[in-house]
Amino acid sequence: MFEVPTLEDIQRASAEQARRDLNSPEAATRAQAVEELGGEGTAEAVQFIRTALNDGEARVRTAAARALKESGTEGQVARAEV
């Protein structure tokens, strides 16, 4: 029998995919992952986003700074080298 996933299951799977995407060789994929994690609002997500502040690509760092600002952790933005 087919089991319909709950909204929580879908959100968890999306967050897990976003975490994996942070290691993508494509900057656009990493930036999108950071944006998705920004909407998660968990302390764990903020840790991943903070790591992205040191990404080699400016657009990923910018996405990380925005995600931190939107998640209410603006103090992290001050340390971003965007």
Protein backbone atom coordinates (compact mmCIF):
# COMPACT_ATOMS: atom_id res chain seq x y z
CA MET A 1 0.00 0.00 0.00
CA PHE A 2 1.24 3.47 -0.88
CA GLU A 3 1.83 5.78 2.05
CA VAL A 4 1.35 9.50 1.49
CA PRO A 5 4.24 11.47 2.99
CA THR A 6 3.41 14.07 5.59
CA LEU A 7 4.35 17.71 5.22
CA GLU A 8 7.02 17.13 7.86
CA ASP A 9 8.48 14.27 5.80
CA ILE A 10 8.61 16.47 2.71
CA GLN A 11 10.23 19.35 4.58
CA ARG A 12 12.81 17.04 6.12
CA ALA A 13 13.68 15.57 2.73
CA SER A 14 13.97 19.05 1.23
CA ALA A 15 16.27 20.22 4.02
CA GLU A 16 18.44 17.11 3.64
CA GLN A 17 18.72 17.73 -0.10
CA ALA A 18 19.64 21.37 0.52
CA ARG A 19 22.44 20.27 2.87
CA ARG A 20 23.79 17.92 0.21
CA ASP A 21 23.54 20.67 -2.40
CA LEU A 22 25.88 22.85 -0.34
CA ASN A 23 28.67 20.62 -1.65
CA SER A 24 27.69 21.01 -5.29
CA PRO A 25 30.40 22.18 -7.71
CA GLU A 26 27.82 24.64 -9.10
CA ALA A 27 27.63 28.00 -7.31
CA ALA A 28 23.99 28.50 -8.36
CA THR A 29 23.04 25.19 -6.71
CA ARG A 30 24.90 26.11 -3.52
CA ALA A 31 23.24 29.54 -3.42
CA GLN A 32 19.79 27.97 -3.85
CA ALA A 33 20.56 25.50 -1.07
CA VAL A 34 21.53 28.34 1.25
CA GLU A 35 18.27 30.14 0.46
CA GLU A 36 16.27 27.00 1.21
CA LEU A 37 18.08 26.46 4.49
CA GLY A 38 17.39 30.08 5.42
CA GLY A 39 13.70 29.28 5.47
CA GLU A 40 14.22 26.34 7.78
CA GLY A 41 14.85 28.49 10.85
CA THR A 42 16.75 25.92 12.88
CA ALA A 43 20.06 26.33 14.70
CA GLU A 44 21.49 23.53 12.58
CA ALA A 45 20.50 25.33 9.37
CA VAL A 46 22.13 28.54 10.62
CA GLN A 47 25.39 26.62 11.15
CA PHE A 48 25.34 25.44 7.53
CA ILE A 49 24.54 28.95 6.34
CA ARG A 50 27.38 30.43 8.40
CA THR A 51 29.76 28.01 6.69
CA ALA A 52 28.53 29.29 3.32
CA LEU A 53 29.71 32.79 4.29
CA ASN A 54 33.21 31.50 3.44
CA ASP A 55 32.29 30.09 0.03
CA GLY A 56 34.61 30.97 -2.84
CA GLU A 57 31.75 32.44 -4.89
CA ALA A 58 30.35 35.87 -4.07
CA ARG A 59 26.79 34.90 -4.95
CA VAL A 60 26.83 32.08 -2.41
CA ARG A 61 28.22 34.40 0.28
CA THR A 62 25.56 36.97 -0.59
CA ALA A 63 22.82 34.34 -0.38
CA ALA A 64 24.17 33.27 3.01
CA ALA A 65 24.21 36.85 4.32
CA ARG A 66 20.64 37.38 3.14
CA ALA A 67 19.49 34.08 4.62
CA LEU A 68 20.99 34.95 7.98
CA LYS A 69 19.39 38.38 7.91
CA GLU A 70 15.99 36.94 7.03
CA SER A 71 16.30 34.27 9.71
CA GLY A 72 16.90 36.93 12.35
CA THR A 73 20.58 36.23 12.89
CA GLU A 74 21.83 39.54 11.53
CA GLY A 75 24.87 39.44 13.81
CA GLN A 76 26.35 36.82 11.53
CA VAL A 77 26.01 39.12 8.54
CA ALA A 78 28.48 41.60 10.02
CA ARG A 79 31.17 38.93 9.78
CA ALA A 80 30.42 38.12 6.16
CA GLU A 81 33.04 39.10 3.63
CA VAL A 82 30.62 39.69 0.82
